PDB file of N, CA and C in Angstrom:
ATOM      1  N   UNK A   1       1.079  -1.154   0.200  1.00  0.00           N
ATOM      2  CA  UNK A   1       0.058   0.251   0.123  1.00  0.00           C
ATOM      3  C   UNK A   1       0.944   0.943   0.127  1.00  0.00           C
ATOM      4  N   UNK A   2       0.439   2.175  -0.979  1.00  0.00           N
ATOM      5  CA  UNK A   2       1.138   3.621  -0.989  1.00  0.00           C
ATOM      6  C   UNK A   2       1.310   4.403   0.504  1.00  0.00           C
ATOM      7  N   UNK A   3       1.986   4.673   0.820  1.00  0.00           N
ATOM      8  CA  UNK A   3       2.330   6.160   1.821  1.00  0.00           C
ATOM      9  C   UNK A   3       1.380   7.346   1.685  1.00  0.00           C
ATOM     10  N   UNK A   4       0.804   8.042   2.427  1.00  0.00           N
ATOM     11  CA  UNK A   4      -0.520   9.250   1.792  1.00  0.00           C
ATOM     12  C   UNK A   4       0.635  10.097   1.542  1.00  0.00           C
ATOM     13  N   UNK A   5       1.927  10.232   1.783  1.00  0.00           N
ATOM     14  CA  UNK A   5       2.482  10.857   0.637  1.00  0.00           C
ATOM     15  C   UNK A   5       2.766  11.042  -0.819  1.00  0.00           C
ATOM     16  N   UNK A   6       3.183   9.498  -1.223  1.00  0.00           N
ATOM     17  CA  UNK A   6       3.439   9.379  -2.529  1.00  0.00           C
ATOM     18  C   UNK A   6       1.487   9.158  -3.095  1.00  0.00           C
ATOM     19  N   UNK A   7       0.795   8.442  -2.119  1.00  0.00           N
ATOM     20  CA  UNK A   7      -0.481   8.930  -2.714  1.00  0.00           C
ATOM     21  C   UNK A   7      -1.480  10.174  -2.996  1.00  0.00           C
ATOM     22  N   UNK A   8      -0.685  11.303  -1.757  1.00  0.00           N
ATOM     23  CA  UNK A   8      -1.457  12.527  -2.668  1.00  0.00           C
ATOM     24  C   UNK A   8      -0.127  13.055  -3.479  1.00  0.00           C
ATOM     25  N   UNK A   9       0.652  12.364  -3.638  1.00  0.00           N
ATOM     26  CA  UNK A   9       1.347  13.018  -4.820  1.00  0.00           C
ATOM     27  C   UNK A   9       0.973  12.567  -6.209  1.00  0.00           C
ATOM     28  N   UNK A  10       0.561  11.705  -5.418  1.00  0.00           N
ATOM     29  CA  UNK A  10       0.222  10.867  -7.407  1.00  0.00           C
ATOM     30  C   UNK A  10      -2.092  11.353  -7.386  1.00  0.00           C
ATOM     31  N   UNK A  11      -2.159  11.660  -6.992  1.00  0.00           N
ATOM     32  CA  UNK A  11      -3.533  12.226  -7.030  1.00  0.00           C
ATOM     33  C   UNK A  11      -3.494  13.494  -7.065  1.00  0.00           C
ATOM     34  N   UNK A  12      -2.476  14.382  -6.776  1.00  0.00           N
ATOM     35  CA  UNK A  12      -2.653  15.697  -8.184  1.00  0.00           C
ATOM     36  C   UNK A  12      -1.569  15.189  -9.520  1.00  0.00           C
ATOM     37  N   UNK A  13      -1.172  14.533  -9.730  1.00  0.00           N
ATOM     38  CA  UNK A  13      -0.352  14.853 -11.091  1.00  0.00           C
ATOM     39  C   UNK A  13      -1.774  13.833 -12.152  1.00  0.00           C
ATOM     40  N   UNK A  14      -2.330  12.902 -11.234  1.00  0.00           N
ATOM     41  CA  UNK A  14      -3.851  12.144 -12.168  1.00  0.00           C
ATOM     42  C   UNK A  14      -5.111  13.382 -12.226  1.00  0.00           C
ATOM     43  N   UNK A  15      -4.777  14.229 -12.058  1.00  0.00           N
ATOM     44  CA  UNK A  15      -5.563  15.346 -11.689  1.00  0.00           C
ATOM     45  C   UNK A  15      -5.313  16.140 -12.913  1.00  0.00           C
ATOM     46  N   UNK A  16      -3.765  17.011 -12.184  1.00  0.00           N
ATOM     47  CA  UNK A  16      -3.145  17.109 -13.534  1.00  0.00           C
ATOM     48  C   UNK A  16      -3.171  16.371 -15.132  1.00  0.00           C
ATOM     49  N   UNK A  17      -2.968  15.437 -14.915  1.00  0.00           N
ATOM     50  CA  UNK A  17      -2.996  14.659 -16.319  1.00  0.00           C
ATOM     51  C   UNK A  17      -4.347  15.161 -17.296  1.00  0.00           C
ATOM     52  N   UNK A  18      -5.894  14.570 -16.402  1.00  0.00           N
ATOM     53  CA  UNK A  18      -6.798  15.060 -17.225  1.00  0.00           C
ATOM     54  C   UNK A  18      -6.762  16.418 -16.950  1.00  0.00           C
ATOM     55  N   UNK A  19      -7.169  17.208 -16.868  1.00  0.00           N
ATOM     56  CA  UNK A  19      -7.083  18.721 -17.204  1.00  0.00           C
ATOM     57  C   UNK A  19      -6.402  18.361 -18.487  1.00  0.00           C
ATOM     58  N   UNK A  20      -4.910  18.159 -18.372  1.00  0.00           N
ATOM     59  CA  UNK A  20      -4.523  18.132 -19.975  1.00  0.00           C
ATOM     60  C   UNK A  20      -5.665  17.879 -20.972  1.00  0.00           C
ATOM     61  N   UNK A  21      -6.466  17.056 -20.681  1.00  0.00           N
ATOM     62  CA  UNK A  21      -7.496  16.356 -21.962  1.00  0.00           C
ATOM     63  C   UNK A  21      -8.770  17.012 -21.683  1.00  0.00           C
ATOM     64  N   UNK A  22      -9.233  18.336 -20.878  1.00  0.00           N
ATOM     65  CA  UNK A  22     -10.600  18.714 -20.750  1.00  0.00           C
ATOM     66  C   UNK A  22     -10.270  20.081 -21.726  1.00  0.00           C
ATOM     67  N   UNK A  23     -11.373  20.378 -22.719  1.00  0.00           N
ATOM     68  CA  UNK A  23     -11.359  21.146 -23.543  1.00  0.00           C
ATOM     69  C   UNK A  23     -11.173  22.584 -22.547  1.00  0.00           C
ATOM     70  N   UNK A  24     -10.162  23.168 -23.513  1.00  0.00           N
ATOM     71  CA  UNK A  24      -9.983  24.641 -22.591  1.00  0.00           C
ATOM     72  C   UNK A  24     -11.154  25.951 -23.080  1.00  0.00           C
ATOM     73  N   UNK A  25     -12.158  25.662 -22.450  1.00  0.00           N
ATOM     74  CA  UNK A  25     -13.148  27.152 -22.548  1.00  0.00           C
ATOM     75  C   UNK A  25     -13.156  28.210 -20.814  1.00  0.00           C
ATOM     76  N   UNK A  26     -13.580  28.683 -21.494  1.00  0.00           N
ATOM     77  CA  UNK A  26     -14.603  30.379 -19.724  1.00  0.00           C
ATOM     78  C   UNK A  26     -14.623  29.316 -18.600  1.00  0.00           C
ATOM     79  N   UNK A  27     -15.460  28.673 -18.784  1.00  0.00           N
ATOM     80  CA  UNK A  27     -15.615  27.842 -17.536  1.00  0.00           C
ATOM     81  C   UNK A  27     -14.784  26.724 -17.016  1.00  0.00           C
ATOM     82  N   UNK A  28     -14.533  25.603 -18.208  1.00  0.00           N
ATOM     83  CA  UNK A  28     -13.634  25.122 -18.238  1.00  0.00           C
ATOM     84  C   UNK A  28     -12.187  25.484 -17.291  1.00  0.00           C
ATOM     85  N   UNK A  29     -12.009  26.691 -17.924  1.00  0.00           N
ATOM     86  CA  UNK A  29     -10.411  27.375 -17.497  1.00  0.00           C
ATOM     87  C   UNK A  29     -10.350  27.781 -15.909  1.00  0.00           C
ATOM     88  N   UNK A  30     -11.583  27.763 -15.230  1.00  0.00           N
ATOM     89  CA  UNK A  30     -11.955  28.515 -14.105  1.00  0.00           C
ATOM     90  C   UNK A  30     -12.096  27.423 -13.523  1.00  0.00           C
ATOM     91  N   UNK A  31     -12.489  25.679 -13.344  1.00  0.00           N
ATOM     92  CA  UNK A  31     -12.843  24.967 -12.668  1.00  0.00           C
ATOM     93  C   UNK A  31     -11.323  24.305 -13.138  1.00  0.00           C
ATOM     94  N   UNK A  32     -10.474  24.637 -13.560  1.00  0.00           N
ATOM     95  CA  UNK A  32      -9.317  23.744 -13.822  1.00  0.00           C
ATOM     96  C   UNK A  32      -8.356  23.901 -12.880  1.00  0.00           C
ATOM     97  N   UNK A  33      -8.242  25.406 -13.421  1.00  0.00           N
ATOM     98  CA  UNK A  33      -7.398  26.001 -11.958  1.00  0.00           C
ATOM     99  C   UNK A  33      -8.019  26.402 -10.855  1.00  0.00           C
ATOM    100  N   UNK A  34      -8.518  25.947 -10.562  1.00  0.00           N
ATOM    101  CA  UNK A  34      -8.799  25.639  -9.033  1.00  0.00           C
ATOM    102  C   UNK A  34      -9.022  23.508  -8.553  1.00  0.00           C
ATOM    103  N   UNK A  35      -9.154  23.518  -9.362  1.00  0.00           N
ATOM    104  CA  UNK A  35      -8.956  21.739  -9.578  1.00  0.00           C
ATOM    105  C   UNK A  35      -7.190  21.859  -9.324  1.00  0.00           C
ATOM    106  N   UNK A  36      -6.334  21.985 -10.470  1.00  0.00           N
ATOM    107  CA  UNK A  36      -5.106  21.935  -9.876  1.00  0.00           C
ATOM    108  C   UNK A  36      -4.896  22.199  -8.569  1.00  0.00           C
ATOM    109  N   UNK A  37      -4.892  23.881  -8.269  1.00  0.00           N
ATOM    110  CA  UNK A  37      -4.271  24.343  -6.999  1.00  0.00           C
ATOM    111  C   UNK A  37      -5.165  23.295  -5.643  1.00  0.00           C
ATOM    112  N   UNK A  38      -6.109  22.760  -5.659  1.00  0.00           N
ATOM    113  CA  UNK A  38      -6.712  22.126  -4.770  1.00  0.00           C
ATOM    114  C   UNK A  38      -6.101  20.826  -4.576  1.00  0.00           C
ATOM    115  N   UNK A  39      -6.017  20.098  -5.648  1.00  0.00           N
ATOM    116  CA  UNK A  39      -5.702  18.958  -5.484  1.00  0.00           C
ATOM    117  C   UNK A  39      -3.573  18.455  -5.215  1.00  0.00           C
ATOM    118  N   UNK A  40      -2.987  20.219  -5.571  1.00  0.00           N
ATOM    119  CA  UNK A  40      -1.478  20.154  -4.900  1.00  0.00           C
ATOM    120  C   UNK A  40      -1.385  20.445  -3.894  1.00  0.00           C
ATOM    121  N   UNK A  41      -2.747  21.542  -3.185  1.00  0.00           N
ATOM    122  CA  UNK A  41      -2.880  21.131  -2.100  1.00  0.00           C
ATOM    123  C   UNK A  41      -2.370  20.285  -1.090  1.00  0.00           C
ATOM    124  N   UNK A  42      -3.402  19.723  -1.146  1.00  0.00           N
ATOM    125  CA  UNK A  42      -3.921  18.531  -0.834  1.00  0.00           C
ATOM    126  C   UNK A  42      -2.244  17.715  -0.345  1.00  0.00           C
ATOM    127  N   UNK A  43      -1.414  17.210  -0.852  1.00  0.00           N
ATOM    128  CA  UNK A  43       0.010  17.426  -1.053  1.00  0.00           C
ATOM    129  C   UNK A  43       0.895  17.754  -0.006  1.00  0.00           C
ATOM    130  N   UNK A  44       0.383  19.175  -0.436  1.00  0.00           N
ATOM    131  CA  UNK A  44       1.841  19.982  -0.309  1.00  0.00           C
ATOM    132  C   UNK A  44       1.365  20.063   1.503  1.00  0.00           C
ATOM    133  N   UNK A  45       0.164  20.700   1.459  1.00  0.00           N
ATOM    134  CA  UNK A  45      -0.532  20.368   2.965  1.00  0.00           C
ATOM    135  C   UNK A  45      -0.068  18.969   3.680  1.00  0.00           C
ATOM    136  N   UNK A  46      -0.522  18.098   3.406  1.00  0.00           N
ATOM    137  CA  UNK A  46      -0.347  16.998   4.081  1.00  0.00           C
ATOM    138  C   UNK A  46       1.153  16.967   4.679  1.00  0.00           C
ATOM    139  N   UNK A  47       2.693  17.153   3.642  1.00  0.00           N
ATOM    140  CA  UNK A  47       3.380  16.818   4.371  1.00  0.00           C
ATOM    141  C   UNK A  47       3.955  17.998   5.126  1.00  0.00           C
ATOM    142  N   UNK A  48       3.093  19.221   5.063  1.00  0.00           N
ATOM    143  CA  UNK A  48       2.684  19.943   6.230  1.00  0.00           C
ATOM    144  C   UNK A  48       2.718  19.512   7.367  1.00  0.00           C
ATOM    145  N   UNK A  49       1.913  18.923   7.622  1.00  0.00           N
ATOM    146  CA  UNK A  49       1.214  18.626   8.111  1.00  0.00           C
ATOM    147  C   UNK A  49       2.046  17.152   8.848  1.00  0.00           C
ATOM    148  N   UNK A  50       2.722  16.578   8.448  1.00  0.00           N
ATOM    149  CA  UNK A  50       3.663  15.219   8.863  1.00  0.00           C
ATOM    150  C   UNK A  50       4.726  16.281  10.097  1.00  0.00           C
ATOM    151  N   UNK A  51       4.982  17.391   9.455  1.00  0.00           N
ATOM    152  CA  UNK A  51       6.433  18.619  10.013  1.00  0.00           C
ATOM    153  C   UNK A  51       5.715  18.759  11.190  1.00  0.00           C
ATOM    154  N   UNK A  52       3.968  18.837  11.420  1.00  0.00           N
ATOM    155  CA  UNK A  52       4.185  19.392  12.602  1.00  0.00           C
ATOM    156  C   UNK A  52       4.578  19.413  13.920  1.00  0.00           C
ATOM    157  N   UNK A  53       4.361  20.725  14.533  1.00  0.00           N
ATOM    158  CA  UNK A  53       5.615  20.603  15.701  1.00  0.00           C
ATOM    159  C   UNK A  53       4.820  19.883  16.815  1.00  0.00           C
ATOM    160  N   UNK A  54       4.061  19.738  16.929  1.00  0.00           N
ATOM    161  CA  UNK A  54       2.911  19.208  18.236  1.00  0.00           C
ATOM    162  C   UNK A  54       1.709  19.015  17.562  1.00  0.00           C
ATOM    163  N   UNK A  55       0.634  18.274  18.370  1.00  0.00           N
ATOM    164  CA  UNK A  55      -0.706  17.284  18.093  1.00  0.00           C
ATOM    165  C   UNK A  55      -1.496  18.495  17.448  1.00  0.00           C
ATOM    166  N   UNK A  56      -1.127  19.944  18.322  1.00  0.00           N
ATOM    167  CA  UNK A  56      -1.897  20.656  17.321  1.00  0.00           C
ATOM    168  C   UNK A  56      -1.955  21.309  16.550  1.00  0.00           C
ATOM    169  N   UNK A  57      -0.913  21.387  16.214  1.00  0.00           N
ATOM    170  CA  UNK A  57      -0.171  21.945  15.178  1.00  0.00           C
ATOM    171  C   UNK A  57      -0.742  21.369  13.617  1.00  0.00           C
ATOM    172  N   UNK A  58       0.220  19.997  14.137  1.00  0.00           N
ATOM    173  CA  UNK A  58      -0.799  18.295  13.268  1.00  0.00           C
ATOM    174  C   UNK A  58      -2.178  18.527  12.635  1.00  0.00           C
ATOM    175  N   UNK A  59      -2.986  18.651  13.817  1.00  0.00           N
ATOM    176  CA  UNK A  59      -4.431  18.775  13.487  1.00  0.00           C
ATOM    177  C   UNK A  59      -4.932  20.015  12.380  1.00  0.00           C
ATOM    178  N   UNK A  60      -4.356  21.642  12.929  1.00  0.00           N
ATOM    179  CA  UNK A  60      -5.303  22.340  12.315  1.00  0.00           C
ATOM    180  C   UNK A  60      -4.177  22.484  10.587  1.00  0.00           C
ATOM    181  N   UNK A  61      -2.954  21.832  10.464  1.00  0.00           N
ATOM    182  CA  UNK A  61      -3.134  21.710   9.176  1.00  0.00           C
ATOM    183  C   UNK A  61      -3.360  20.221   8.156  1.00  0.00           C
ATOM    184  N   UNK A  62      -3.844  19.190   9.146  1.00  0.00           N
ATOM    185  CA  UNK A  62      -4.772  18.227   8.491  1.00  0.00           C
ATOM    186  C   UNK A  62      -6.051  18.807   8.287  1.00  0.00           C
ATOM    187  N   UNK A  63      -6.895  19.840   9.072  1.00  0.00           N
ATOM    188  CA  UNK A  63      -7.622  20.072   8.811  1.00  0.00           C
ATOM    189  C   UNK A  63      -7.732  21.416   7.246  1.00  0.00           C
ATOM    190  N   UNK A  64      -7.260  21.292   7.465  1.00  0.00           N
ATOM    191  CA  UNK A  64      -6.253  22.122   5.756  1.00  0.00           C
ATOM    192  C   UNK A  64      -6.913  21.191   4.638  1.00  0.00           C
ATOM    193  N   UNK A  65      -6.214  20.535   4.796  1.00  0.00           N
ATOM    194  CA  UNK A  65      -6.246  19.293   3.664  1.00  0.00           C
ATOM    195  C   UNK A  65      -7.413  18.734   3.622  1.00  0.00           C
ATOM    196  N   UNK A  66      -7.939  18.312   4.825  1.00  0.00           N
ATOM    197  CA  UNK A  66      -9.179  17.965   4.320  1.00  0.00           C
ATOM    198  C   UNK A  66     -10.348  19.261   3.326  1.00  0.00           C
ATOM    199  N   UNK A  67     -10.183  19.919   4.016  1.00  0.00           N
ATOM    200  CA  UNK A  67     -11.152  21.624   3.565  1.00  0.00           C
ATOM    201  C   UNK A  67     -10.465  20.972   1.847  1.00  0.00           C
ATOM    202  N   UNK A  68      -9.100  20.705   1.305  1.00  0.00           N
ATOM    203  CA  UNK A  68      -8.649  21.221   0.006  1.00  0.00           C
ATOM    204  C   UNK A  68      -8.825  20.208  -0.599  1.00  0.00           C
ATOM    205  N   UNK A  69      -9.285  18.412  -0.028  1.00  0.00           N
ATOM    206  CA  UNK A  69      -9.251  17.497  -0.146  1.00  0.00           C
ATOM    207  C   UNK A  69     -10.823  17.948  -0.819  1.00  0.00           C
ATOM    208  N   UNK A  70     -11.972  17.536  -0.151  1.00  0.00           N
ATOM    209  CA  UNK A  70     -13.413  17.686  -0.099  1.00  0.00           C
ATOM    210  C   UNK A  70     -13.314  19.480  -1.286  1.00  0.00           C
ATOM    211  N   UNK A  71     -12.679  20.205  -1.365  1.00  0.00           N
ATOM    212  CA  UNK A  71     -12.503  20.842  -2.277  1.00  0.00           C
ATOM    213  C   UNK A  71     -12.198  20.030  -3.804  1.00  0.00           C
ATOM    214  N   UNK A  72     -11.291  19.880  -3.976  1.00  0.00           N
ATOM    215  CA  UNK A  72     -10.709  18.751  -5.372  1.00  0.00           C
ATOM    216  C   UNK A  72     -12.221  18.095  -5.529  1.00  0.00           C
ATOM    217  N   UNK A  73     -13.169  17.533  -4.893  1.00  0.00           N
ATOM    218  CA  UNK A  73     -14.174  16.471  -4.933  1.00  0.00           C
ATOM    219  C   UNK A  73     -15.169  17.288  -6.128  1.00  0.00           C
ATOM    220  N   UNK A  74     -15.305  18.737  -4.960  1.00  0.00           N
ATOM    221  CA  UNK A  74     -16.671  19.007  -5.617  1.00  0.00           C
ATOM    222  C   UNK A  74     -16.324  19.910  -6.777  1.00  0.00           C
ATOM    223  N   UNK A  75     -14.548  20.297  -7.173  1.00  0.00           N
ATOM    224  CA  UNK A  75     -14.717  20.325  -8.944  1.00  0.00           C
ATOM    225  C   UNK A  75     -15.135  19.836  -9.831  1.00  0.00           C
ATOM    226  N   UNK A  76     -14.064  18.169  -9.269  1.00  0.00           N
ATOM    227  CA  UNK A  76     -14.308  17.286 -10.447  1.00  0.00           C
ATOM    228  C   UNK A  76     -16.294  17.186 -10.509  1.00  0.00           C
ATOM    229  N   UNK A  77     -16.526  16.933  -9.874  1.00  0.00           N
ATOM    230  CA  UNK A  77     -18.228  17.108 -10.004  1.00  0.00           C
ATOM    231  C   UNK A  77     -18.404  17.914 -10.718  1.00  0.00           C
ATOM    232  N   UNK A  78     -18.016  19.181 -10.953  1.00  0.00           N
ATOM    233  CA  UNK A  78     -18.148  20.628 -11.212  1.00  0.00           C
ATOM    234  C   UNK A  78     -18.098  20.503 -13.394  1.00  0.00           C
ATOM    235  N   UNK A  79     -16.895  19.347 -13.256  1.00  0.00           N
ATOM    236  CA  UNK A  79     -15.927  19.133 -14.334  1.00  0.00           C
ATOM    237  C   UNK A  79     -16.784  17.928 -15.144  1.00  0.00           C
ATOM    238  N   UNK A  80     -17.158  17.038 -14.257  1.00  0.00           N
ATOM    239  CA  UNK A  80     -18.343  15.757 -15.128  1.00  0.00           C
ATOM    240  C   UNK A  80     -18.794  16.000 -15.464  1.00  0.00           C
ATOM    241  N   UNK A  81     -19.808  16.887 -14.557  1.00  0.00           N
ATOM    242  CA  UNK A  81     -21.093  17.329 -15.593  1.00  0.00           C
ATOM    243  C   UNK A  81     -20.630  18.801 -16.553  1.00  0.00           C
ATOM    244  N   UNK A  82     -19.757  18.945 -17.040  1.00  0.00           N
ATOM    245  CA  UNK A  82     -19.885  19.578 -18.000  1.00  0.00           C
ATOM    246  C   UNK A  82     -19.146  19.331 -18.592  1.00  0.00           C
ATOM    247  N   UNK A  83     -18.399  17.927 -19.114  1.00  0.00           N
ATOM    248  CA  UNK A  83     -17.255  17.151 -19.585  1.00  0.00           C
ATOM    249  C   UNK A  83     -18.070  15.702 -19.595  1.00  0.00           C
ATOM    250  N   UNK A  84     -18.891  15.013 -19.666  1.00  0.00           N
ATOM    251  CA  UNK A  84     -19.489  13.879 -20.183  1.00  0.00           C
ATOM    252  C   UNK A  84     -18.415  13.261 -20.548  1.00  0.00           C
ATOM    253  N   UNK A  85     -17.879  13.325 -21.435  1.00  0.00           N
ATOM    254  CA  UNK A  85     -17.357  12.257 -22.146  1.00  0.00           C
ATOM    255  C   UNK A  85     -16.014  11.597 -21.378  1.00  0.00           C
ATOM    256  N   UNK A  86     -15.873  12.386 -20.175  1.00  0.00           N
ATOM    257  CA  UNK A  86     -14.743  12.031 -19.246  1.00  0.00           C
ATOM    258  C   UNK A  86     -15.012  11.467 -18.460  1.00  0.00           C
ATOM    259  N   UNK A  87     -16.726  10.659 -17.823  1.00  0.00           N
ATOM    260  CA  UNK A  87     -17.228  11.003 -16.768  1.00  0.00           C
ATOM    261  C   UNK A  87     -16.426   9.403 -16.275  1.00  0.00           C
ATOM    262  N   UNK A  88     -15.748   8.739 -16.501  1.00  0.00           N
ATOM    263  CA  UNK A  88     -15.195   7.321 -16.069  1.00  0.00           C
ATOM    264  C   UNK A  88     -13.750   7.770 -15.277  1.00  0.00           C
ATOM    265  N   UNK A  89     -13.163   8.674 -16.543  1.00  0.00           N
ATOM    266  CA  UNK A  89     -11.741   9.358 -15.463  1.00  0.00           C
ATOM    267  C   UNK A  89     -11.576   9.844 -14.386  1.00  0.00           C
ATOM    268  N   UNK A  90     -13.061  10.775 -14.386  1.00  0.00           N
ATOM    269  CA  UNK A  90     -13.031  11.461 -13.303  1.00  0.00           C
ATOM    270  C   UNK A  90     -13.955  10.800 -11.998  1.00  0.00           C
ATOM    271  N   UNK A  91     -14.497  10.274 -12.579  1.00  0.00           N
ATOM    272  CA  UNK A  91     -15.524   9.280 -11.396  1.00  0.00           C
ATOM    273  C   UNK A  91     -13.799   9.049 -10.814  1.00  0.00           C
ATOM    274  N   UNK A  92     -12.939   7.713 -11.518  1.00  0.00           N
ATOM    275  CA  UNK A  92     -11.885   7.236 -10.794  1.00  0.00           C
ATOM    276  C   UNK A  92     -11.376   8.448  -9.599  1.00  0.00           C
ATOM    277  N   UNK A  93     -11.119   9.587  -9.752  1.00  0.00           N
ATOM    278  CA  UNK A  93     -10.555  10.925  -9.080  1.00  0.00           C
ATOM    279  C   UNK A  93     -11.397  11.308  -7.782  1.00  0.00           C
ATOM    280  N   UNK A  94     -12.922  10.957  -8.227  1.00  0.00           N
ATOM    281  CA  UNK A  94     -13.346  11.132  -7.124  1.00  0.00           C
ATOM    282  C   UNK A  94     -13.088  10.795  -6.499  1.00  0.00           C
ATOM    283  N   UNK A  95     -13.593   9.246  -6.323  1.00  0.00           N
ATOM    284  CA  UNK A  95     -13.323   7.744  -5.902  1.00  0.00           C
ATOM    285  C   UNK A  95     -12.362   8.068  -4.876  1.00  0.00           C
ATOM    286  N   UNK A  96     -10.672   8.117  -5.516  1.00  0.00           N
ATOM    287  CA  UNK A  96      -9.741   8.512  -5.356  1.00  0.00           C
ATOM    288  C   UNK A  96      -9.194   9.707  -4.087  1.00  0.00           C
ATOM    289  N   UNK A  97      -9.778  11.129  -4.557  1.00  0.00           N
ATOM    290  CA  UNK A  97     -10.812  11.748  -3.439  1.00  0.00           C
ATOM    291  C   UNK A  97     -10.743  11.642  -2.088  1.00  0.00           C
ATOM    292  N   UNK A  98     -12.000  10.905  -2.510  1.00  0.00           N
ATOM    293  CA  UNK A  98     -13.226  10.115  -1.224  1.00  0.00           C
ATOM    294  C   UNK A  98     -12.576   9.505  -0.837  1.00  0.00           C
ATOM    295  N   UNK A  99     -11.710   8.405  -0.817  1.00  0.00           N
ATOM    296  CA  UNK A  99     -10.784   7.432   0.518  1.00  0.00           C
ATOM    297  C   UNK A  99      -9.658   8.838   0.980  1.00  0.00           C
ATOM    298  N   UNK A 100      -9.316   9.039   0.434  1.00  0.00           N
ATOM    299  CA  UNK A 100      -8.333   9.866   1.175  1.00  0.00           C
ATOM    300  C   UNK A 100      -8.762  10.687   1.851  1.00  0.00           C
ATOM    301  N   UNK A 101     -10.088  11.575   1.547  1.00  0.00           N
ATOM    302  CA  UNK A 101     -11.028  12.789   2.556  1.00  0.00           C
ATOM    303  C   UNK A 101     -11.238  11.877   3.897  1.00  0.00           C
ATOM    304  N   UNK A 102     -11.349  10.255   3.637  1.00  0.00           N
ATOM    305  CA  UNK A 102     -12.053   9.456   4.623  1.00  0.00           C
ATOM    306  C   UNK A 102     -10.231   9.187   5.815  1.00  0.00           C
ATOM    307  N   UNK A 103      -9.729   9.360   4.731  1.00  0.00           N
ATOM    308  CA  UNK A 103      -8.948   8.474   5.955  1.00  0.00           C
ATOM    309  C   UNK A 103      -8.233   9.997   6.804  1.00  0.00           C
ATOM    310  N   UNK A 104      -8.119  10.949   5.906  1.00  0.00           N
ATOM    311  CA  UNK A 104      -7.837  12.407   6.583  1.00  0.00           C
ATOM    312  C   UNK A 104      -8.752  12.719   7.661  1.00  0.00           C
ATOM    313  N   UNK A 105      -9.953  12.242   7.424  1.00  0.00           N
ATOM    314  CA  UNK A 105     -11.480  12.962   8.843  1.00  0.00           C
ATOM    315  C   UNK A 105     -10.793  11.838   9.984  1.00  0.00           C
ATOM    316  N   UNK A 106     -10.565  10.830  10.077  1.00  0.00           N
ATOM    317  CA  UNK A 106     -10.370   9.098  10.736  1.00  0.00           C
ATOM    318  C   UNK A 106      -8.948   9.962  11.403  1.00  0.00           C
ATOM    319  N   UNK A 107      -7.613  10.636  10.707  1.00  0.00           N
ATOM    320  CA  UNK A 107      -6.642  10.923  11.353  1.00  0.00           C
ATOM    321  C   UNK A 107      -7.235  12.137  12.464  1.00  0.00           C
ATOM    322  N   UNK A 108      -7.815  13.192  11.968  1.00  0.00           N
ATOM    323  CA  UNK A 108      -8.633  14.246  12.536  1.00  0.00           C
ATOM    324  C   UNK A 108      -9.450  13.768  13.286  1.00  0.00           C
ATOM    325  N   UNK A 109     -10.044  12.918  13.695  1.00  0.00           N
ATOM    326  CA  UNK A 109     -10.985  12.560  14.742  1.00  0.00           C
ATOM    327  C   UNK A 109      -9.918  12.010  15.424  1.00  0.00           C
ATOM    328  N   UNK A 110      -8.687  10.771  14.977  1.00  0.00           N
ATOM    329  CA  UNK A 110      -7.997  10.262  16.473  1.00  0.00           C
ATOM    330  C   UNK A 110      -6.970  11.430  16.611  1.00  0.00           C
ATOM    331  N   UNK A 111      -6.542  12.130  15.793  1.00  0.00           N
ATOM    332  CA  UNK A 111      -5.570  13.100  16.658  1.00  0.00           C
ATOM    333  C   UNK A 111      -6.542  14.356  18.073  1.00  0.00           C
ATOM    334  N   UNK A 112      -7.921  14.398  17.710  1.00  0.00           N
ATOM    335  CA  UNK A 112      -8.380  15.118  18.502  1.00  0.00           C
ATOM    336  C   UNK A 112      -9.084  14.258  19.906  1.00  0.00           C
ATOM    337  N   UNK A 113      -9.176  12.942  20.301  1.00  0.00           N
ATOM    338  CA  UNK A 113      -8.741  12.180  20.829  1.00  0.00           C
ATOM    339  C   UNK A 113      -7.595  12.326  21.999  1.00  0.00           C
ATOM    340  N   UNK A 114      -6.676  12.459  20.907  1.00  0.00           N
ATOM    341  CA  UNK A 114      -5.511  11.958  21.699  1.00  0.00           C
ATOM    342  C   UNK A 114      -4.906  12.717  22.497  1.00  0.00           C
ATOM    343  N   UNK A 115      -5.566  14.885  21.953  1.00  0.00           N
ATOM    344  CA  UNK A 115      -5.378  15.968  22.578  1.00  0.00           C
ATOM    345  C   UNK A 115      -6.456  16.254  23.411  1.00  0.00           C
ATOM    346  N   UNK A 116      -7.597  15.202  23.460  1.00  0.00           N
ATOM    347  CA  UNK A 116      -8.624  15.489  24.542  1.00  0.00           C
ATOM    348  C   UNK A 116      -7.966  14.841  25.400  1.00  0.00           C
ATOM    349  N   UNK A 117      -6.937  13.583  25.525  1.00  0.00           N
ATOM    350  CA  UNK A 117      -6.688  12.710  26.156  1.00  0.00           C
ATOM    351  C   UNK A 117      -5.399  12.576  26.703  1.00  0.00           C
ATOM    352  N   UNK A 118      -4.858  13.521  26.315  1.00  0.00           N
ATOM    353  CA  UNK A 118      -3.142  14.411  27.154  1.00  0.00           C
ATOM    354  C   UNK A 118      -4.288  15.581  27.880  1.00  0.00           C
ATOM    355  N   UNK A 119      -5.145  16.341  27.880  1.00  0.00           N
ATOM    356  CA  UNK A 119      -5.414  17.329  28.743  1.00  0.00           C
ATOM    357  C   UNK A 119      -6.365  16.875  29.611  1.00  0.00           C
ATOM    358  N   UNK A 120      -7.245  15.377  29.302  1.00  0.00           N
ATOM    359  CA  UNK A 120      -7.718  14.915  31.164  1.00  0.00           C
ATOM    360  C   UNK A 120      -6.841  14.117  32.166  1.00  0.00           C
ATOM    361  N   UNK A 121      -4.892  14.122  31.821  1.00  0.00           N
ATOM    362  CA  UNK A 121      -4.426  13.352  32.357  1.00  0.00           C
ATOM    363  C   UNK A 121      -3.973  14.276  33.309  1.00  0.00           C
TER     364      UNK A 121
END
């Protein structure tokens, strides 16, 4: 199984390859731009979270990862609606984004519990 650092990197690359095949019109251009930014941000912010100085720092950075990952799914859904010929490829990326999002949410919950338990001691 790939580690999350590699998986988030590959997610950004796969989205980058997808957008190279999307027709470049006024609407697609804006959604493509947003998608490229947020998918790259998932990996970049995950790397930053891994370097967090404390559980609280890790948690705050991981919440950014969660937000960017959810946003990437949204822009994929918009692009799918506008580019139905790419639906199968986009669905694969939505699936991967959703799986990553579940992992990040689980990590956030675990970290919150750890912070809470540490404060209770």
